[in-house]
Amino acid sequence: MAETTTATPQLLRRVSAGAVLEFMRSATVVTVTEVMEATGLTRATAIAVCEDLKDRGWIRELENQRAFGEYQKGRPARRFELNERAGYVLGMDVGVSKATVVVSDLRGKTLGRSSQPFAEAEISAEERISVIDRAALAALDQVGASPEAVLAACAGIAAPVDRNGDVLAAQHFWGLFDVGLKSALRDRHGWTVLLENDANLAALGERWQGAAAGIDDVVVILASERFGAGVVDGGRLLHGSRGGAGELAFLEHVQGVGDTFGIASLARTWAAEALAGNARTSLRSFAPGGAEAEQVFAAAAAGDGVALGILDRLADRMARIIGAVSTLLNPELVVIGGAVANSAGVLLEPIGRRLTELTATPPRVAVSPLGDSIVTVGAVRAALDYVEKHSLDLALAAPLS
């Protein structure tokens, strides 16, 4: 019991500091009263937390309103703002072909971005880590920030990750991402690295800055090369017992689907099948290399019959997938995400028509506005959440402002 009594004030202090920083991340200049209203803290606690965060370098106190020329009577309100350059976070998207790393300030604003390709899918753990590390250092260099200024990093990978950040390497493909990234970057730079499934981070990013903002029951489907889903139920991201929540391998057993290939992969394959025959189509201009998804969508917009047929097949496939997911999870919204989302808006109307025949609980369907940044946006949000939660345990470097 003594341990609980001793720990409680420390825990409350951490929680209070995190709540204040979270509020100030989305605010500009705030007063103590506004901090109280946003966090529910008492005035004494709000003042103490702001003082503590100011002393530690997380926030700055500005001139009071009287000195600022906007206050005439009574005690002037104290004014604070977040020191958004007190440190940086990294958001990483580690895919099959490349690693992309963004550098963000403490408001979540992207300041630098770098992508580095992998030589091939089957590379050693050491090589994969080195590519990710080069991308991170290149992004930091764009900002003029040192590795010591990184407060936390989060990496999204194309494999299930449990609540403890451990990879479920039950399949060979998933095992390609189980490379010891957390310990390697800690040893190289002292960074705290969080590991998460890419679709789960896509769900976090979508609820933060995308089409699902403010929605507590949402499924985000990454739909480019392979289908994967992040599930938020009642505002809580679902992982499952071993990190497998949102995995869509069951699609192999869904009538009219049969696999987990995504929109980009299917459009490319079906275009190649059409070109192998005698069909008259503008897609032949892309032979012999073949047409990519964006070119198929563009040809359909121009009225090409073959391309329109491919889009109809894609809409039917997506409707069946969303219908199955909605029957299982009953979300309010399903968001189609990934690089292909930039073109997928044309599928929404035919998907909506088919959904009423495929599930008793059809959700709203939207495409993500985040494009191929959806995973890094979610990774930045996860890293910021970590920083805010552990702000009293982190030592700030002296980053450039």
Protein backbone atom coordinates (compact mmCIF):
# COMPACT_ATOMS: atom_id res chain seq x y z
CA MET A 1 0.00 0.00 0.00
CA ALA A 2 2.88 2.34 0.77
CA GLU A 3 4.18 1.91 -2.78
CA THR A 4 0.78 2.87 -4.19
CA THR A 5 0.61 6.00 -2.00
CA THR A 6 4.11 7.04 -3.05
CA ALA A 7 3.51 6.40 -6.74
CA THR A 8 0.12 8.10 -6.99
CA PRO A 9 1.31 11.73 -6.89
CA GLN A 10 3.98 10.93 -9.48
CA LEU A 11 1.42 9.26 -11.73
CA LEU A 12 -1.00 12.17 -11.38
CA ARG A 13 1.81 14.58 -12.18
CA ARG A 14 2.67 12.69 -15.36
CA VAL A 15 -0.95 12.41 -16.45
CA SER A 16 -1.54 16.11 -15.80
CA ALA A 17 1.57 17.12 -17.74
CA GLY A 18 0.55 14.92 -20.66
CA ALA A 19 -2.95 16.40 -20.71
CA VAL A 20 -1.60 19.96 -20.74
CA LEU A 21 0.84 19.21 -23.55
CA GLU A 22 -1.85 17.46 -25.59
CA PHE A 23 -4.09 20.53 -25.27
CA MET A 24 -1.28 22.94 -26.10
CA ARG A 25 -0.28 20.90 -29.18
CA SER A 26 -3.51 21.91 -30.91
CA ALA A 27 -3.75 25.39 -29.39
CA THR A 28 -1.84 28.61 -29.95
CA VAL A 29 -1.41 30.95 -26.97
CA VAL A 30 -3.34 29.79 -23.89
CA THR A 31 -4.07 31.07 -20.42
CA VAL A 32 -4.19 29.07 -17.20
CA THR A 33 -7.98 29.37 -17.26
CA GLU A 34 -8.10 27.81 -20.71
CA VAL A 35 -5.81 25.02 -19.53
CA MET A 36 -8.19 24.37 -16.64
CA GLU A 37 -11.23 24.28 -18.92
CA ALA A 38 -9.57 21.91 -21.40
CA THR A 39 -8.05 19.47 -18.89
CA GLY A 40 -10.29 19.62 -15.83
CA LEU A 41 -7.34 20.50 -13.57
CA THR A 42 -7.72 22.82 -10.62
CA ARG A 43 -6.14 26.26 -10.87
CA ALA A 44 -3.38 25.36 -8.42
CA THR A 45 -2.55 22.16 -10.33
CA ALA A 46 -2.72 23.87 -13.73
CA ILE A 47 -0.33 26.59 -12.57
CA ALA A 48 2.05 24.03 -11.03
CA VAL A 49 2.07 21.92 -14.19
CA CYS A 50 2.65 24.93 -16.44
CA GLU A 51 5.52 26.07 -14.20
CA ASP A 52 7.05 22.61 -14.30
CA LEU A 53 6.74 22.30 -18.07
CA LYS A 54 8.17 25.80 -18.52
CA ASP A 55 11.17 25.01 -16.32
CA ARG A 56 11.79 21.84 -18.32
CA GLY A 57 11.63 23.68 -21.65
CA TRP A 58 8.39 22.19 -23.02
CA ILE A 59 6.45 25.46 -23.01
CA ARG A 60 7.23 29.18 -22.99
CA GLU A 61 5.61 31.94 -20.97
CA LEU A 62 4.78 35.03 -22.98
CA GLU A 63 4.28 38.62 -21.92
CA ASN A 64 1.15 39.00 -19.86
CA GLN A 65 -1.85 40.70 -21.40
CA ARG A 66 -1.17 44.02 -19.71
CA ALA A 67 2.35 44.19 -21.10
CA PHE A 68 0.95 43.04 -24.41
CA GLY A 69 -1.41 46.02 -24.44
CA GLU A 70 -4.67 44.08 -24.19
CA TYR A 71 -5.44 44.19 -20.47
CA GLN A 72 -6.28 47.21 -18.31
CA LYS A 73 -7.76 46.14 -14.94
CA GLY A 74 -7.16 43.46 -12.35
CA ARG A 75 -4.53 40.75 -12.35
CA PRO A 76 -3.33 40.05 -15.92
CA ALA A 77 -3.66 36.48 -17.16
CA ARG A 78 -0.49 34.48 -17.64
CA ARG A 79 -0.03 33.33 -21.23
CA PHE A 80 1.78 30.20 -22.41
CA GLU A 81 2.56 28.52 -25.72
CA LEU A 82 4.05 25.19 -26.69
CA ASN A 83 7.76 25.20 -27.52
CA GLU A 84 7.18 23.14 -30.66
CA ARG A 85 10.91 22.91 -31.37
CA ALA A 86 11.81 21.60 -27.91
CA GLY A 87 12.47 18.33 -29.70
CA TYR A 88 11.36 16.26 -32.66
CA VAL A 89 9.60 12.98 -33.36
CA LEU A 90 10.08 10.61 -36.27
CA GLY A 91 7.30 8.84 -38.16
CA MET A 92 8.45 5.83 -40.19
CA ASP A 93 6.68 3.80 -42.87
CA VAL A 94 8.66 0.61 -43.48
CA GLY A 95 7.25 -1.14 -46.53
CA VAL A 96 8.44 -3.91 -48.81
CA SER A 97 10.21 -1.73 -51.35
CA LYS A 98 11.23 1.35 -49.37
CA ALA A 99 11.41 3.09 -46.03
CA THR A 100 9.99 6.59 -45.61
CA VAL A 101 10.79 8.74 -42.57
CA VAL A 102 9.32 12.12 -41.66
CA VAL A 103 10.52 14.55 -39.02
CA SER A 104 7.82 16.41 -37.11
CA ASP A 105 7.84 19.14 -34.53
CA LEU A 106 5.81 18.83 -31.33
CA ARG A 107 2.67 20.20 -32.99
CA GLY A 108 2.76 17.41 -35.56
CA LYS A 109 3.94 19.59 -38.43
CA THR A 110 6.10 17.72 -40.96
CA LEU A 111 9.44 19.47 -41.36
CA GLY A 112 11.50 16.92 -43.30
CA ARG A 113 10.93 13.74 -45.28
CA SER A 114 13.18 11.14 -46.88
CA SER A 115 12.58 7.83 -48.67
CA GLN A 116 15.24 5.19 -49.23
CA PRO A 117 14.68 2.06 -51.36
CA PHE A 118 15.47 -1.48 -50.31
CA ALA A 119 17.54 -3.40 -52.83
CA GLU A 120 14.97 -6.20 -52.74
CA ALA A 121 12.43 -7.73 -50.36
CA GLU A 122 14.72 -10.53 -49.18
CA ILE A 123 17.55 -8.56 -47.54
CA SER A 124 19.30 -9.08 -44.24
CA ALA A 125 18.10 -7.48 -41.04
CA GLU A 126 21.27 -5.41 -40.90
CA GLU A 127 20.72 -4.02 -44.39
CA ARG A 128 17.07 -3.22 -43.72
CA ILE A 129 18.00 -1.37 -40.54
CA SER A 130 20.75 0.55 -42.33
CA VAL A 131 18.34 1.73 -45.04
CA ILE A 132 15.83 2.90 -42.41
CA ASP A 133 18.61 4.63 -40.49
CA ARG A 134 19.85 6.44 -43.61
CA ALA A 135 16.34 7.67 -44.36
CA ALA A 136 15.97 8.94 -40.79
CA LEU A 137 19.30 10.77 -40.79
CA ALA A 138 18.60 12.28 -44.22
CA ALA A 139 15.23 13.60 -43.00
CA LEU A 140 16.85 15.07 -39.88
CA ASP A 141 19.54 16.68 -42.02
CA GLN A 142 16.84 18.49 -44.02
CA VAL A 143 15.65 20.07 -40.80
CA GLY A 144 19.09 20.84 -39.43
CA ALA A 145 18.32 18.70 -36.38
CA SER A 146 20.72 16.36 -34.62
CA PRO A 147 19.84 12.77 -33.70
CA GLU A 148 20.06 13.84 -30.04
CA ALA A 149 17.00 16.07 -30.54
CA VAL A 150 14.73 13.09 -31.35
CA LEU A 151 12.41 12.41 -28.43
CA ALA A 152 10.69 9.34 -29.88
CA ALA A 153 10.17 7.50 -33.15
CA CYS A 154 7.37 5.23 -34.32
CA ALA A 155 7.70 2.76 -37.19
CA GLY A 156 4.81 1.20 -39.07
CA ILE A 157 5.52 -2.20 -40.60
CA ALA A 158 3.52 -4.56 -42.84
CA ALA A 159 3.16 -7.21 -40.13
CA PRO A 160 0.99 -7.72 -37.03
CA VAL A 161 2.43 -6.14 -33.88
CA ASP A 162 1.04 -6.86 -30.41
CA ARG A 163 0.46 -4.40 -27.58
CA ASN A 164 4.03 -4.85 -26.37
CA GLY A 165 5.52 -3.96 -29.73
CA ASP A 166 6.49 -7.53 -30.61
CA VAL A 167 6.11 -8.74 -34.20
CA LEU A 168 3.94 -11.75 -34.97
CA ALA A 169 6.33 -13.51 -37.36
CA ALA A 170 4.04 -16.46 -38.04
CA GLN A 171 4.44 -16.01 -41.81
CA HIS A 172 7.66 -15.66 -43.75
CA PHE A 173 6.60 -12.27 -45.14
CA TRP A 174 5.87 -10.90 -41.67
CA GLY A 175 9.24 -12.17 -40.48
CA LEU A 176 10.99 -9.87 -42.98
CA PHE A 177 10.09 -6.98 -40.68
CA ASP A 178 11.14 -8.63 -37.42
CA VAL A 179 14.66 -7.18 -37.62
CA GLY A 180 15.30 -5.82 -34.13
CA LEU A 181 14.72 -2.21 -35.20
CA LYS A 182 13.93 -0.94 -31.71
CA SER A 183 17.14 -2.17 -30.12
CA ALA A 184 19.28 -1.27 -33.16
CA LEU A 185 18.22 2.39 -33.25
CA ARG A 186 18.44 2.63 -29.48
CA ASP A 187 22.02 1.37 -29.63
CA ARG A 188 22.94 3.67 -32.53
CA HIS A 189 21.27 6.88 -31.39
CA GLY A 190 19.64 6.33 -28.01
CA TRP A 191 16.18 6.62 -29.57
CA THR A 192 12.99 5.21 -28.13
CA VAL A 193 11.34 3.41 -31.07
CA LEU A 194 7.73 2.27 -31.00
CA LEU A 195 6.73 -0.51 -33.39
CA GLU A 196 3.20 -0.80 -34.79
CA ASN A 197 1.31 -2.37 -37.67
CA ASP A 198 1.05 0.01 -40.62
CA ALA A 199 -2.74 -0.29 -40.96
CA ASN A 200 -3.17 0.44 -37.26
CA LEU A 201 -1.12 3.61 -37.68
CA ALA A 202 -3.20 4.47 -40.73
CA ALA A 203 -6.28 4.33 -38.47
CA LEU A 204 -4.61 6.63 -35.93
CA GLY A 205 -3.59 9.06 -38.66
CA GLU A 206 -7.03 9.04 -40.24
CA ARG A 207 -8.77 9.84 -36.95
CA TRP A 208 -6.28 12.64 -36.32
CA GLN A 209 -6.06 14.44 -39.65
CA GLY A 210 -8.18 12.52 -42.14
CA ALA A 211 -11.72 11.60 -43.08
CA ALA A 212 -12.37 9.83 -39.76
CA ALA A 213 -11.67 12.82 -37.51
CA GLY A 214 -13.95 12.63 -34.47
CA ILE A 215 -15.37 9.18 -35.34
CA ASP A 216 -15.03 6.46 -32.70
CA ASP A 217 -16.04 3.40 -34.75
CA VAL A 218 -14.01 3.22 -37.94
CA VAL A 219 -12.12 0.74 -40.08
CA VAL A 220 -9.31 2.03 -42.28
CA ILE A 221 -8.39 -0.32 -45.12
CA LEU A 222 -4.98 0.06 -46.73
CA ALA A 223 -5.86 -0.96 -50.26
CA SER A 224 -2.88 -0.46 -52.58
CA GLU A 225 -0.83 -3.64 -53.07
CA ARG A 226 -2.34 -5.80 -50.31
CA PHE A 227 -5.39 -5.29 -48.14
CA GLY A 228 -4.89 -4.69 -44.44
CA ALA A 229 -7.09 -2.95 -41.90
CA GLY A 230 -6.81 -0.91 -38.75
CA VAL A 231 -9.84 -1.11 -36.46
CA VAL A 232 -10.97 1.51 -33.96
CA ASP A 233 -13.90 0.48 -31.76
CA GLY A 234 -15.35 2.96 -29.29
CA GLY A 235 -12.32 5.19 -29.78
CA ARG A 236 -9.90 2.38 -28.92
CA LEU A 237 -7.43 0.86 -31.39
CA LEU A 238 -7.83 -2.92 -31.45
CA HIS A 239 -4.80 -5.22 -31.44
CA GLY A 240 -6.14 -8.63 -30.46
CA SER A 241 -4.24 -11.08 -28.27
CA ARG A 242 -1.23 -11.32 -30.62
CA GLY A 243 -1.63 -8.22 -32.78
CA GLY A 244 -3.74 -9.89 -35.44
CA ALA A 245 -6.85 -7.71 -35.21
CA GLY A 246 -7.48 -6.19 -38.64
CA GLU A 247 -5.62 -8.85 -40.59
CA LEU A 248 -7.71 -9.74 -43.65
CA ALA A 249 -6.47 -13.22 -44.56
CA PHE A 250 -10.06 -14.44 -44.19
CA LEU A 251 -10.80 -12.70 -47.51
CA GLU A 252 -9.46 -15.82 -49.19
CA HIS A 253 -12.72 -17.47 -48.09
CA VAL A 254 -15.08 -14.65 -49.09
CA GLN A 255 -17.11 -15.34 -52.24
CA GLY A 256 -16.10 -13.01 -55.06
CA VAL A 257 -12.84 -12.01 -53.36
CA GLY A 258 -10.56 -15.00 -52.78
CA ASP A 259 -7.30 -13.21 -51.93
CA THR A 260 -5.80 -10.11 -50.29
CA PHE A 261 -4.41 -8.37 -53.37
CA GLY A 262 -5.17 -4.66 -53.29
CA ILE A 263 -6.55 -2.18 -55.79
CA ALA A 264 -3.20 -1.25 -57.33
CA SER A 265 -2.20 -4.88 -57.75
CA LEU A 266 -5.57 -5.94 -59.16
CA ALA A 267 -5.79 -3.02 -61.61
CA ARG A 268 -2.31 -3.83 -62.90
CA THR A 269 -3.08 -7.55 -63.25
CA TRP A 270 -6.47 -7.12 -64.91
CA ALA A 271 -5.05 -4.53 -67.32
CA ALA A 272 -2.29 -6.98 -68.27
CA GLU A 273 -4.88 -9.71 -68.88
CA ALA A 274 -6.82 -7.39 -71.17
CA LEU A 275 -3.68 -6.43 -73.08
CA ALA A 276 -2.78 -10.09 -73.55
CA GLY A 277 -5.99 -10.51 -75.54
CA ASN A 278 -7.41 -8.61 -78.48
CA ALA A 279 -9.31 -5.94 -76.58
CA ARG A 280 -9.28 -2.50 -78.11
CA THR A 281 -8.16 -0.12 -75.39
CA SER A 282 -6.08 2.99 -74.89
CA LEU A 283 -4.17 1.04 -72.25
CA ARG A 284 -2.11 -0.48 -75.08
CA SER A 285 -0.08 2.71 -75.14
CA PHE A 286 1.51 1.53 -71.88
CA ALA A 287 2.73 -1.80 -73.34
CA PRO A 288 5.05 -3.62 -72.95
CA GLY A 289 5.59 -2.41 -69.40
CA GLY A 290 1.87 -2.55 -68.61
CA ALA A 291 -0.56 -0.05 -67.11
CA GLU A 292 -0.51 0.98 -63.46
CA ALA A 293 -3.61 1.69 -61.39
CA GLU A 294 -3.44 5.46 -61.93
CA GLN A 295 -3.36 4.95 -65.70
CA VAL A 296 -6.33 2.58 -65.55
CA PHE A 297 -8.32 5.15 -63.56
CA ALA A 298 -7.34 7.91 -66.02
CA ALA A 299 -8.35 5.78 -69.01
CA ALA A 300 -11.70 5.03 -67.38
CA ALA A 301 -12.28 8.74 -66.83
CA ALA A 302 -11.70 9.23 -70.56
CA GLY A 303 -14.36 6.61 -71.34
CA ASP A 304 -12.15 3.60 -72.19
CA GLY A 305 -14.39 0.53 -72.10
CA VAL A 306 -11.77 -1.92 -70.83
CA ALA A 307 -10.72 0.44 -68.05
CA LEU A 308 -14.35 1.03 -67.08
CA GLY A 309 -14.82 -2.73 -66.84
CA ILE A 310 -11.80 -2.99 -64.52
CA LEU A 311 -13.21 -0.24 -62.30
CA ASP A 312 -16.52 -2.08 -62.11
CA ARG A 313 -14.72 -5.25 -60.99
CA LEU A 314 -12.74 -3.24 -58.43
CA ALA A 315 -15.91 -1.68 -57.04
CA ASP A 316 -17.53 -5.10 -56.71
CA ARG A 317 -14.44 -6.50 -54.97
CA MET A 318 -14.26 -3.55 -52.56
CA ALA A 319 -17.98 -3.76 -51.80
CA ARG A 320 -17.64 -7.44 -50.88
CA ILE A 321 -14.65 -6.71 -48.64
CA ILE A 322 -16.32 -3.76 -46.92
CA GLY A 323 -19.54 -5.77 -46.58
CA ALA A 324 -17.71 -8.61 -44.84
CA VAL A 325 -15.81 -6.24 -42.55
CA SER A 326 -18.99 -4.33 -41.72
CA THR A 327 -20.91 -7.49 -40.89
CA LEU A 328 -18.18 -8.47 -38.43
CA LEU A 329 -17.37 -5.08 -36.89
CA ASN A 330 -20.28 -2.73 -37.65
CA PRO A 331 -18.23 0.46 -38.04
CA GLU A 332 -19.81 3.85 -38.66
CA LEU A 333 -17.23 4.60 -41.35
CA VAL A 334 -14.86 2.64 -43.58
CA VAL A 335 -11.99 4.61 -45.09
CA ILE A 336 -10.07 3.43 -48.15
CA GLY A 337 -6.47 4.50 -47.65
CA GLY A 338 -3.02 4.28 -49.17
CA ALA A 339 -1.50 5.78 -52.31
CA VAL A 340 -4.39 4.48 -54.43
CA ALA A 341 -6.87 6.58 -52.44
CA ASN A 342 -6.04 9.57 -54.62
CA SER A 343 -7.88 7.85 -57.49
CA ALA A 344 -10.38 5.66 -55.64
CA GLY A 345 -13.08 8.29 -55.13
CA VAL A 346 -14.73 7.18 -58.36
CA LEU A 347 -15.43 3.79 -56.73
CA LEU A 348 -17.50 5.18 -53.85
CA GLU A 349 -20.84 5.45 -55.64
CA PRO A 350 -20.86 1.89 -57.08
CA ILE A 351 -19.54 0.51 -53.78
CA GLY A 352 -22.41 2.20 -51.95
CA ARG A 353 -24.98 0.72 -54.34
CA ARG A 354 -23.68 -2.82 -53.81
CA LEU A 355 -23.25 -2.58 -50.03
CA THR A 356 -26.95 -2.63 -49.24
CA GLU A 357 -27.10 -6.10 -50.81
CA LEU A 358 -24.08 -7.42 -48.93
CA THR A 359 -24.57 -6.37 -45.31
CA ALA A 360 -27.44 -5.39 -43.03
CA THR A 361 -25.24 -2.67 -41.51
CA PRO A 362 -23.76 -0.72 -44.43
CA PRO A 363 -21.34 1.97 -43.21
CA ARG A 364 -20.46 5.26 -44.80
CA VAL A 365 -17.45 4.85 -47.08
CA ALA A 366 -14.82 7.51 -47.78
CA VAL A 367 -11.37 7.77 -49.29
CA SER A 368 -8.50 9.11 -47.24
CA PRO A 369 -7.18 12.60 -48.04
CA LEU A 370 -3.78 11.61 -46.65
CA GLY A 371 -2.57 9.65 -49.70
CA ASP A 372 0.68 7.78 -49.24
CA SER A 373 1.41 9.77 -46.05
CA ILE A 374 -1.32 8.00 -44.09
CA VAL A 375 1.06 5.68 -42.21
CA THR A 376 3.66 8.34 -41.36
CA VAL A 377 0.90 10.68 -40.12
CA GLY A 378 -0.28 7.95 -37.75
CA ALA A 379 3.30 7.17 -36.72
CA VAL A 380 3.89 10.82 -35.85
CA ARG A 381 0.70 10.86 -33.78
CA ALA A 382 1.76 7.71 -31.89
CA ALA A 383 5.19 9.20 -31.21
CA LEU A 384 3.66 12.47 -29.98
CA ASP A 385 1.31 10.53 -27.69
CA TYR A 386 4.33 8.77 -26.22
CA VAL A 387 6.23 12.03 -25.73
CA GLU A 388 3.29 13.70 -24.00
CA LYS A 389 2.74 10.72 -21.72
CA HIS A 390 6.42 10.59 -20.74
CA SER A 391 7.26 14.29 -20.86
CA LEU A 392 8.50 14.38 -17.27
CA ASP A 393 10.87 11.49 -17.94
CA LEU A 394 12.44 12.88 -21.13
CA ALA A 395 15.47 15.11 -21.14
CA LEU A 396 15.29 17.79 -23.79
CA ALA A 397 18.31 18.43 -25.96
CA ALA A 398 18.93 21.88 -27.39
CA PRO A 399 17.43 21.61 -30.88
CA LEU A 400 17.62 24.40 -33.43
CA SER A 401 14.52 26.62 -33.47
